[in-house]
Protein backbone atom coordinates (compact mmCIF):
# COMPACT_ATOMS: atom_id res chain seq x y z
CA MET A 1 -11.00 17.54 27.80
CA LEU A 2 -7.55 19.18 27.93
CA ASN A 3 -7.33 18.72 31.69
CA THR A 4 -7.91 14.96 31.63
CA VAL A 5 -5.90 13.83 28.59
CA PHE A 6 -3.00 16.25 29.18
CA MET A 7 -2.66 15.47 32.91
CA PRO A 8 0.52 13.30 32.65
CA GLU A 9 2.38 16.12 30.90
CA ILE A 10 1.08 18.71 33.39
CA ALA A 11 2.20 16.49 36.32
CA LEU A 12 5.74 16.14 34.91
CA MET A 13 5.87 19.89 34.15
CA LEU A 14 4.97 20.60 37.79
CA THR A 15 7.69 18.15 38.90
CA THR A 16 10.20 20.06 36.76
CA LEU A 17 8.93 23.38 38.15
CA VAL A 18 9.32 22.21 41.79
CA LEU A 19 12.88 21.03 41.05
CA PHE A 20 13.62 24.37 39.37
CA PHE A 21 12.55 26.29 42.50
CA MET A 22 14.67 23.89 44.59
CA THR A 23 17.74 24.91 42.56
CA LEU A 24 17.36 28.41 44.01
CA GLY A 25 18.12 27.13 47.53
CA LYS A 26 20.48 24.59 49.10
CA PHE A 27 19.11 21.13 49.82
CA ARG A 28 20.77 17.89 50.87
CA THR A 29 20.99 15.13 48.25
CA GLY A 30 18.62 12.93 50.28
CA THR A 31 15.94 15.65 50.26
CA VAL A 32 16.35 16.28 46.51
CA GLN A 33 16.06 12.56 45.74
CA ALA A 34 13.06 12.06 48.05
CA VAL A 35 11.17 14.99 46.49
CA SER A 36 12.07 13.80 42.96
CA LEU A 37 10.92 10.24 43.66
CA VAL A 38 7.62 11.29 45.27
CA LEU A 39 6.76 13.70 42.43
CA VAL A 40 7.66 11.20 39.70
CA ALA A 41 5.69 8.47 41.52
CA ILE A 42 2.60 10.75 41.54
CA THR A 43 3.19 11.46 37.82
CA LEU A 44 3.41 7.70 37.17
CA VAL A 45 0.07 7.07 38.89
CA ILE A 46 -1.57 9.88 36.86
CA THR A 47 0.00 8.57 33.62
CA PHE A 48 -1.17 5.03 34.37
CA ALA A 49 -4.69 6.36 35.02
CA SER A 50 -4.61 8.06 31.60
CA LEU A 51 -4.31 4.72 29.75
CA GLY A 52 -7.30 4.38 27.46
CA THR A 53 -7.83 8.12 26.95
CA GLN A 54 -8.01 9.50 23.42
CA GLY A 55 -8.03 12.90 21.79
CA LEU A 56 -6.45 15.42 19.42
CA MET A 57 -5.16 18.75 20.70
CA PHE A 58 -3.31 21.92 19.68
CA TYR A 59 -4.64 22.11 16.11
CA ASP A 60 -4.31 18.31 15.71
CA VAL A 61 -0.50 18.22 16.14
CA TYR A 62 -0.81 16.35 19.46
CA GLN A 63 -2.54 12.96 19.51
CA ILE A 64 -3.51 11.02 22.62
CA ASP A 65 -4.00 7.31 21.82
CA ALA A 66 -3.21 3.84 23.19
CA LEU A 67 0.32 3.91 21.71
CA SER A 68 1.28 7.32 23.11
CA GLN A 69 -0.11 6.58 26.59
CA LEU A 70 1.65 3.19 26.86
CA PHE A 71 4.98 4.80 25.96
CA LYS A 72 4.38 7.63 28.44
CA VAL A 73 3.91 5.04 31.22
CA VAL A 74 7.20 3.37 30.17
CA ILE A 75 9.05 6.75 30.04
CA VAL A 76 7.83 7.94 33.47
CA PHE A 77 8.47 4.50 35.00
CA GLY A 78 11.98 4.54 33.51
CA LEU A 79 12.61 8.01 34.98
CA PHE A 80 11.47 6.76 38.40
CA LEU A 81 13.86 3.79 38.18
CA VAL A 82 16.77 6.05 37.13
CA PHE A 83 16.14 8.38 40.12
CA PHE A 84 15.83 5.40 42.47
CA LEU A 85 18.95 3.73 41.02
CA GLY A 86 21.15 6.81 41.52
CA ARG A 87 19.93 7.37 45.09
CA ASP A 88 23.12 9.17 46.28
CA LEU A 89 24.20 10.63 42.90
CA LEU A 90 27.74 9.42 43.60
CA GLY A 91 29.08 10.34 40.18
CA ILE A 92 27.58 13.85 39.95
CA GLN A 93 29.17 17.07 41.27
CA GLU A 94 27.53 17.72 44.64
CA LYS A 95 26.54 21.34 43.97
CA LEU A 96 24.63 20.27 40.82
CA HIS A 97 22.42 17.48 42.25
CA THR A 98 19.15 19.46 42.08
CA GLU A 99 19.90 20.81 38.60
CA TYR A 100 20.79 17.30 37.48
CA ASN A 101 17.39 15.87 38.47
CA MET A 102 15.62 18.86 36.94
CA PHE A 103 17.30 18.39 33.55
CA LEU A 104 16.57 14.64 33.54
CA ALA A 105 12.90 15.46 34.22
CA ILE A 106 12.95 18.00 31.33
CA SER A 107 14.45 15.37 29.01
CA ALA A 108 11.73 12.87 30.02
CA LEU A 109 9.12 15.61 29.45
CA GLY A 110 10.46 16.09 25.90
CA LEU A 111 10.10 12.33 25.33
CA MET A 112 6.50 12.48 26.62
CA PHE A 113 5.74 15.27 24.13
CA LEU A 114 7.40 13.13 21.47
CA SER A 115 5.04 10.22 22.25
CA SER A 116 1.99 12.24 21.20
CA SER A 117 3.49 14.41 18.43
CA VAL A 118 1.94 13.63 15.03
CA GLU A 119 3.30 16.57 13.02
CA LEU A 120 6.87 16.95 11.75
CA LEU A 121 7.83 20.28 13.37
CA THR A 122 6.22 19.27 16.69
CA ILE A 123 8.26 16.05 16.58
CA LEU A 124 11.44 18.06 15.94
CA LEU A 125 10.74 20.48 18.80
CA SER A 126 10.00 17.60 21.21
CA LEU A 127 13.23 15.86 20.16
CA GLU A 128 15.22 19.03 20.80
CA ILE A 129 13.67 19.59 24.26
CA SER A 130 14.75 16.07 25.21
CA SER A 131 18.21 16.37 23.63
CA TYR A 132 19.18 19.81 24.95
CA ALA A 133 18.56 18.73 28.55
CA LEU A 134 20.95 15.80 28.03
CA TYR A 135 23.58 18.03 26.38
CA VAL A 136 23.66 19.93 29.68
CA VAL A 137 23.84 16.98 32.14
CA ILE A 138 26.49 14.79 30.46
CA PRO A 139 29.40 17.04 31.62
CA PHE A 140 28.03 17.12 35.21
CA ARG A 141 30.26 14.15 36.16
CA ARG A 142 32.45 14.39 39.25
CA GLY A 143 36.24 14.46 38.57
CA GLN A 144 37.13 12.07 35.72
CA GLY A 145 39.72 14.18 33.92
CA ARG A 146 38.35 15.43 30.61
CA LEU A 147 36.36 12.31 29.70
CA HIS A 148 32.97 13.79 30.59
CA VAL A 149 33.67 17.03 28.69
CA GLU A 150 34.67 15.08 25.59
CA ALA A 151 31.52 12.94 25.95
CA GLY A 152 29.35 16.07 26.17
CA ILE A 153 30.96 17.62 23.06
CA LYS A 154 30.55 14.42 21.01
CA TYR A 155 26.90 14.09 22.00
CA ILE A 156 26.20 17.71 21.00
CA LEU A 157 28.05 17.45 17.66
CA PHE A 158 26.30 14.24 16.62
CA GLY A 159 22.99 15.64 17.87
CA ALA A 160 23.42 18.82 15.82
CA ALA A 161 24.37 16.84 12.70
CA SER A 162 21.39 14.47 13.04
CA THR A 163 18.97 17.37 13.63
CA GLY A 164 20.29 19.16 10.53
CA LEU A 165 19.85 16.08 8.34
CA THR A 166 16.37 15.42 9.77
CA LEU A 167 15.29 19.00 9.12
CA TYR A 168 16.64 18.70 5.56
CA GLY A 169 14.61 15.50 5.09
CA MET A 170 11.48 17.19 6.49
CA SER A 171 11.86 20.01 3.93
CA TYR A 172 11.92 17.35 1.16
CA VAL A 173 8.84 15.62 2.59
CA PHE A 174 6.98 18.94 2.79
CA GLY A 175 8.03 19.79 -0.77
CA LEU A 176 6.72 16.47 -2.09
CA ALA A 177 3.56 16.07 0.01
CA HIS A 178 2.74 19.75 0.86
CA THR A 179 1.90 18.84 4.46
CA THR A 180 3.68 18.15 7.75
CA TYR A 181 0.82 16.19 9.39
CA LEU A 182 1.42 12.43 9.71
CA SER A 183 -2.29 11.69 9.14
CA GLU A 184 -2.13 13.40 5.72
CA LEU A 185 1.29 11.93 4.92
CA THR A 186 -0.17 8.44 5.48
CA GLU A 187 -2.40 9.00 2.44
CA LYS A 188 0.26 10.57 0.20
CA LEU A 189 3.64 9.01 1.05
CA PRO A 190 3.04 5.35 0.01
CA GLY A 191 2.25 6.52 -3.54
CA LEU A 192 5.23 8.89 -3.56
CA VAL A 193 7.59 6.15 -2.28
CA ALA A 194 6.47 3.92 -5.16
CA THR A 195 7.02 6.58 -7.84
CA GLN A 196 9.54 9.15 -6.52
CA PRO A 197 13.11 8.08 -5.58
CA LEU A 198 13.44 11.42 -3.74
CA ALA A 199 10.67 10.33 -1.32
CA VAL A 200 12.80 7.38 -0.16
CA ILE A 201 15.79 9.69 0.47
CA ALA A 202 13.51 12.16 2.31
CA ILE A 203 12.06 9.46 4.62
CA VAL A 204 15.51 8.07 5.46
CA LEU A 205 16.82 11.60 6.19
CA VAL A 206 13.84 12.32 8.47
CA MET A 207 14.64 9.12 10.37
CA VAL A 208 18.29 10.14 10.99
CA ALA A 209 17.44 11.85 14.31
CA PHE A 210 15.69 8.68 15.49
CA PHE A 211 18.69 6.58 14.37
CA TYR A 212 20.86 8.90 16.48
CA LYS A 213 18.67 8.45 19.57
CA LEU A 214 18.58 4.69 19.06
CA ALA A 215 22.35 4.56 18.29
CA LEU A 216 21.67 2.79 15.00
CA PHE A 217 24.39 2.49 12.35
CA PRO A 218 25.66 4.92 10.95
CA MET A 219 24.62 7.40 13.72
CA HIS A 220 26.15 5.24 16.47
CA PHE A 221 29.69 6.65 16.76
CA TRP A 222 28.84 8.84 19.77
CA ALA A 223 27.57 5.97 21.94
CA PRO A 224 30.76 4.26 23.27
CA ASP A 225 32.50 7.53 24.21
CA VAL A 226 29.37 9.12 25.74
CA TYR A 227 28.53 5.96 27.74
CA GLN A 228 32.13 5.80 29.02
CA GLY A 229 32.52 9.52 29.70
CA ALA A 230 29.15 10.30 31.32
CA ALA A 231 28.42 9.49 34.98
CA ASN A 232 26.95 6.03 35.67
CA GLU A 233 23.58 7.59 36.57
CA THR A 234 23.50 9.67 33.37
CA THR A 235 24.48 6.71 31.19
CA SER A 236 21.64 4.65 32.64
CA PHE A 237 19.22 7.38 31.41
CA VAL A 238 20.88 7.98 28.01
CA ALA A 239 21.06 4.23 27.35
CA THR A 240 17.36 3.58 27.87
CA LEU A 241 14.74 6.33 27.80
CA PRO A 242 15.66 8.18 24.55
CA LYS A 243 15.62 4.79 22.82
CA VAL A 244 12.02 4.23 23.95
CA GLY A 245 11.03 7.54 22.30
CA ALA A 246 12.98 6.70 19.13
CA VAL A 247 11.24 3.33 18.76
CA LEU A 248 7.83 5.00 19.03
CA LEU A 249 8.68 7.52 16.30
CA LEU A 250 10.12 4.88 13.98
CA LEU A 251 6.89 2.88 14.42
CA ARG A 252 4.83 5.95 13.47
CA PHE A 253 7.02 6.75 10.46
CA VAL A 254 7.16 3.22 9.09
CA ALA A 255 3.36 3.04 9.39
CA VAL A 256 3.10 6.38 7.53
CA ALA A 257 5.51 5.32 4.74
CA GLY A 258 3.43 2.22 4.04
CA VAL A 259 6.49 -0.01 3.92
CA ASP A 260 5.82 -3.14 1.86
CA ILE A 261 8.98 -4.65 0.31
CA SER A 262 9.87 -1.20 -1.02
CA GLN A 263 13.21 0.62 -1.19
CA VAL A 264 12.65 1.95 2.35
CA THR A 265 12.47 -1.65 3.64
CA TRP A 266 15.79 -2.50 2.03
CA VAL A 267 17.45 0.59 3.52
CA LEU A 268 16.10 -0.20 7.01
CA ALA A 269 17.08 -3.88 6.67
CA ALA A 270 20.65 -2.91 5.70
CA ILE A 271 20.84 -0.53 8.69
CA ALA A 272 19.55 -3.30 11.01
CA VAL A 273 22.15 -5.81 9.75
CA LEU A 274 25.06 -3.33 9.95
CA SER A 275 24.00 -2.30 13.49
CA MET A 276 23.86 -5.90 14.72
CA VAL A 277 27.15 -6.96 13.13
CA PHE A 278 29.13 -3.84 14.08
CA GLY A 279 27.68 -3.68 17.62
CA ASN A 280 28.23 -7.31 18.53
CA PHE A 281 31.71 -7.74 17.05
CA SER A 282 32.94 -4.45 18.56
CA ALA A 283 31.57 -5.47 21.99
CA LEU A 284 33.66 -8.66 21.95
CA VAL A 285 36.93 -6.80 22.58
CA GLN A 286 35.76 -4.30 25.23
CA THR A 287 36.98 -4.36 28.85
CA ASP A 288 35.09 -1.29 30.16
CA LEU A 289 31.52 -2.47 30.93
CA LYS A 290 29.87 0.80 29.88
CA ARG A 291 31.62 0.72 26.48
CA LEU A 292 30.57 -2.92 26.13
CA LEU A 293 26.93 -2.00 26.91
CA ALA A 294 27.17 0.86 24.37
CA TYR A 295 28.14 -1.53 21.56
CA SER A 296 25.54 -4.00 22.81
CA SER A 297 22.88 -1.24 22.59
CA ILE A 298 23.82 -0.68 18.93
CA ALA A 299 23.18 -4.39 18.29
CA HIS A 300 19.88 -4.32 20.21
CA ALA A 301 18.77 -1.36 18.07
CA GLY A 302 19.31 -3.62 15.06
CA TYR A 303 17.05 -6.32 16.55
CA VAL A 304 14.32 -3.75 17.30
CA MET A 305 14.55 -2.43 13.72
CA ILE A 306 13.74 -5.92 12.39
CA GLY A 307 10.44 -5.80 14.29
CA ILE A 308 9.69 -2.25 13.11
CA LEU A 309 10.35 -2.83 9.41
CA THR A 310 7.89 -5.75 9.24
CA ALA A 311 5.22 -3.00 9.40
CA ASP A 312 2.57 -5.43 10.62
CA LYS A 313 0.82 -5.91 13.96
CA MET A 314 2.92 -8.88 15.13
CA GLY A 315 6.32 -7.36 14.31
CA MET A 316 5.53 -3.89 15.65
CA ALA A 317 4.02 -5.27 18.88
CA ALA A 318 7.19 -7.37 19.27
CA ALA A 319 9.30 -4.20 18.89
CA VAL A 320 7.27 -2.45 21.64
CA PHE A 321 7.60 -5.50 23.90
CA TYR A 322 11.34 -5.74 23.19
CA VAL A 323 12.08 -2.09 24.01
CA VAL A 324 10.28 -2.42 27.39
CA GLY A 325 12.37 -5.52 28.12
CA TYR A 326 15.52 -3.72 26.97
CA LEU A 327 14.78 -0.88 29.43
CA LEU A 328 14.50 -3.32 32.36
CA MET A 329 17.53 -5.45 31.41
CA ASN A 330 19.80 -2.47 30.74
CA LEU A 331 18.78 -0.65 33.93
CA GLY A 332 19.43 -3.92 35.81
CA ALA A 333 23.00 -3.95 34.47
CA PHE A 334 23.53 -0.25 35.29
CA TYR A 335 22.12 -0.81 38.79
CA VAL A 336 24.96 -3.31 39.36
CA ILE A 337 27.59 -0.95 37.88
CA TYR A 338 26.35 1.91 40.10
CA ASN A 339 26.57 -0.17 43.28
CA ILE A 340 30.01 -1.64 42.49
CA ALA A 341 31.55 1.80 41.95
CA PRO A 342 31.40 3.70 45.30
CA LYS A 343 32.86 6.91 43.84
CA GLY A 344 31.09 6.77 40.48
CA GLU A 345 34.12 5.40 38.62
CA ASN A 346 33.91 3.20 35.51
CA VAL A 347 33.74 -0.58 36.00
CA THR A 348 35.84 -3.21 34.17
CA PHE A 349 35.72 -7.02 34.10
CA ASP A 350 38.34 -7.09 36.87
CA ASP A 351 35.93 -5.20 39.17
CA LEU A 352 33.34 -7.96 38.69
CA LYS A 353 35.62 -10.69 40.04
CA GLY A 354 34.37 -12.19 43.29
CA LEU A 355 31.07 -10.28 43.08
CA SER A 356 29.06 -13.39 43.99
CA ARG A 357 30.84 -13.46 47.39
CA ARG A 358 30.90 -9.69 47.95
CA SER A 359 27.19 -9.26 47.12
CA PRO A 360 25.15 -12.30 46.00
CA LEU A 361 22.18 -10.05 45.11
CA LEU A 362 24.24 -7.84 42.76
CA ALA A 363 25.77 -10.93 41.12
CA LEU A 364 22.33 -12.50 40.61
CA THR A 365 20.88 -9.24 39.22
CA LEU A 366 23.78 -9.02 36.74
CA LEU A 367 23.35 -12.68 35.80
CA VAL A 368 19.60 -12.30 35.13
CA SER A 369 20.11 -9.01 33.23
CA VAL A 370 22.81 -10.37 30.91
CA PHE A 371 20.90 -13.65 30.42
CA GLY A 372 17.96 -11.49 29.32
CA MET A 373 20.11 -9.47 26.91
CA ALA A 374 21.59 -12.71 25.53
CA GLY A 375 18.04 -14.01 24.95
CA ILE A 376 18.21 -17.02 27.28
CA PRO A 377 14.82 -18.38 28.45
CA PRO A 378 12.73 -17.76 30.52
CA THR A 379 13.74 -14.06 30.52
CA ILE A 380 11.94 -11.14 28.87
CA GLY A 381 14.81 -10.88 26.35
CA PHE A 382 14.16 -14.40 25.04
CA ILE A 383 10.43 -13.73 24.47
CA GLY A 384 11.25 -10.36 22.85
CA LYS A 385 13.72 -11.88 20.37
CA PHE A 386 11.42 -14.85 19.70
CA MET A 387 8.50 -12.51 18.89
CA ILE A 388 10.63 -10.27 16.63
CA PHE A 389 12.08 -13.22 14.71
CA THR A 390 8.62 -14.82 14.39
CA GLY A 391 7.20 -11.55 13.01
CA ALA A 392 10.06 -11.27 10.48
CA LEU A 393 9.63 -14.92 9.38
CA HIS A 394 5.91 -14.28 8.98
CA LYS A 395 6.85 -11.51 6.49
CA GLY A 396 9.34 -13.72 4.67
CA PHE A 397 12.53 -11.98 5.88
CA TYR A 398 14.40 -15.29 6.20
CA ALA A 399 17.92 -13.97 5.50
CA LEU A 400 17.43 -11.18 8.04
CA VAL A 401 16.39 -13.65 10.75
CA ILE A 402 19.35 -15.98 10.01
CA ILE A 403 21.78 -13.04 10.34
CA ALA A 404 20.07 -11.91 13.57
CA VAL A 405 20.23 -15.40 15.12
CA MET A 406 23.94 -15.67 14.25
CA ASN A 407 24.49 -12.26 15.86
CA ALA A 408 22.59 -13.34 18.99
CA ALA A 409 25.01 -16.30 19.26
CA VAL A 410 28.00 -13.92 19.04
CA ALA A 411 26.45 -11.63 21.68
CA ALA A 412 25.92 -14.56 24.06
CA PHE A 413 29.72 -14.90 24.30
CA TYR A 414 30.38 -11.46 25.83
CA TYR A 415 27.23 -11.49 27.98
CA LEU A 416 28.18 -14.85 29.50
CA LYS A 417 31.73 -13.52 29.94
CA MET A 418 30.23 -10.85 32.27
CA ALA A 419 28.32 -13.50 34.25
CA ARG A 420 31.42 -15.69 34.47
CA ALA A 421 33.50 -12.77 35.78
CA ALA A 422 30.94 -12.12 38.54
CA TYR A 423 30.95 -15.75 39.67
CA CYS A 424 34.68 -16.48 39.44
CA ALA A 425 36.86 -16.10 42.54
CA ALA A 426 38.78 -12.87 43.12
CA ASP A 427 42.60 -12.87 43.27
CA ASP A 428 42.60 -11.43 46.80
CA GLU A 429 40.15 -11.00 49.66
CA GLN A 430 37.74 -8.16 48.84
CA GLU A 431 35.37 -6.23 51.06
CA ALA A 432 31.70 -7.16 51.03
CA ILE A 433 29.33 -4.63 49.39
CA ILE A 434 26.71 -3.53 51.93
CA LEU A 435 23.50 -2.54 50.17
CA PRO A 436 20.86 -0.33 51.83
CA PHE A 437 17.27 -1.62 51.95
CA GLY A 438 16.20 0.46 48.90
CA ALA A 439 18.99 -1.00 46.76
CA LYS A 440 18.10 -4.55 47.85
CA LEU A 441 14.48 -3.87 46.93
CA MET A 442 15.50 -2.59 43.51
CA GLY A 443 17.76 -5.57 42.78
CA THR A 444 14.94 -7.96 43.71
CA PHE A 445 12.54 -6.00 41.48
CA PHE A 446 14.84 -6.30 38.42
CA ILE A 447 15.32 -10.05 38.95
CA LEU A 448 11.57 -10.71 39.34
CA ALA A 449 10.50 -8.36 36.51
CA ILE A 450 12.95 -9.78 33.92
CA ILE A 451 12.00 -13.39 34.74
CA LEU A 452 8.27 -13.05 35.45
CA ILE A 453 7.45 -10.90 32.39
CA GLY A 454 9.46 -13.39 30.32
CA ALA A 455 7.53 -16.34 31.81
CA LEU A 456 4.13 -14.55 31.70
CA PRO A 457 4.29 -12.09 28.77
CA GLN A 458 0.57 -12.09 27.90
CA SER A 459 -0.46 -8.82 29.59
CA LEU A 460 2.41 -6.74 28.16
CA LEU A 461 2.01 -8.32 24.70
CA ALA A 462 -1.72 -7.59 24.73
CA ALA A 463 -1.01 -3.94 25.68
CA ALA A 464 1.63 -3.73 22.89
CA LYS A 465 -0.77 -5.18 20.28
CA ASN A 466 -3.54 -2.84 21.38
CA ALA A 467 -1.12 0.10 21.13
CA VAL A 468 0.16 -0.64 17.60
CA ALA A 469 -3.39 -1.34 16.38
CA THR A 470 -3.89 2.46 16.38
CA LEU A 471 -1.21 2.75 13.66
CA LEU A 472 -2.42 0.10 11.23
């Protein structure tokens, strides 16, 4: 039993172990990347084969179900895309390339553990495994003054603060319910939320670590500086995969709390609104693309929260669908940033000028990615927003949907500004960007995935509904 249901985790552990032994020798970047990609591809196949498996392990703290396995596929697939995207690791110090891939694999492993954790302390340990690996890799950036060091320090400080608050909240939950198992909390917490004000405070405190991972208000302050200071490859990981894990945990916790127009709903709704408003209006004035995408990610976290707080099958499935779309759209944007910056430097709007002439594929990938993030049909972003808003309307959250739609209109301005910059003429003649075959393949994949899943969302939506059915 253990061998079959735990195979994805074992495969990623072996990947990490191989990369660890490679750190003991000297290997060229091409060799490190090839080994990483092959091992993660094997892990992806094994994880995909594990869909449909079920089981409880390790004294019932580790649950294998449709939800956990779907998220594991998304996490491993995201890791594969990040490795493939940063094929030459241009922004990372050369002597640390093997260590860099190893720590990213460890972080993804922590997120895989997180997907199946159904007990508070196991969740905390999994979160810390994922976070500590990222604390290490953020300062690995090649020569950018002190920006990357500052980014690393900010990420650690906010991480430590969020972990402390979460642990404090968990102690309250344990004191009230006398258990740390989510299955037992599901029976006790709804009654406690209705009668004990302290239970609401405890649940919100427990969620602080997930707010931090998702860059939700008020745990968002780290995001712009970390996105800007970390290497382009690292930012593409930090901006996507931890958010997938955070969404899964918020889904589990909201299902446990039994949210039904209670105080917890109002708190989560306020956080969603503040995240959308702050994220979108702050993004309007940014010139650095990574800072802009950081503020945009804060706003997207607000949209996802709307789906989560509906606490029904339609809204939660929409949140799962949306976070998969967000992963593809965001990685599409970072793929363009990575290929524009030959030495791993940060990219501004000025660097986008004339991109349609220098590399039509990069310009088209950026256009499709930002159209998706703006929610323009027929992209995956449009279907994701439509599903989330429909789920919220179905629950009667009319004011929340009106605010979200207004925010989406504000966001469209800065997303279309990026597309306009890519398709406007440059001031002077610029060199064409020559993409290797692998990069061309990846750009084509992002364009097709964002449009085709948006046009034909049935399969992913069915998988999302099947996954959240295990919670309700």
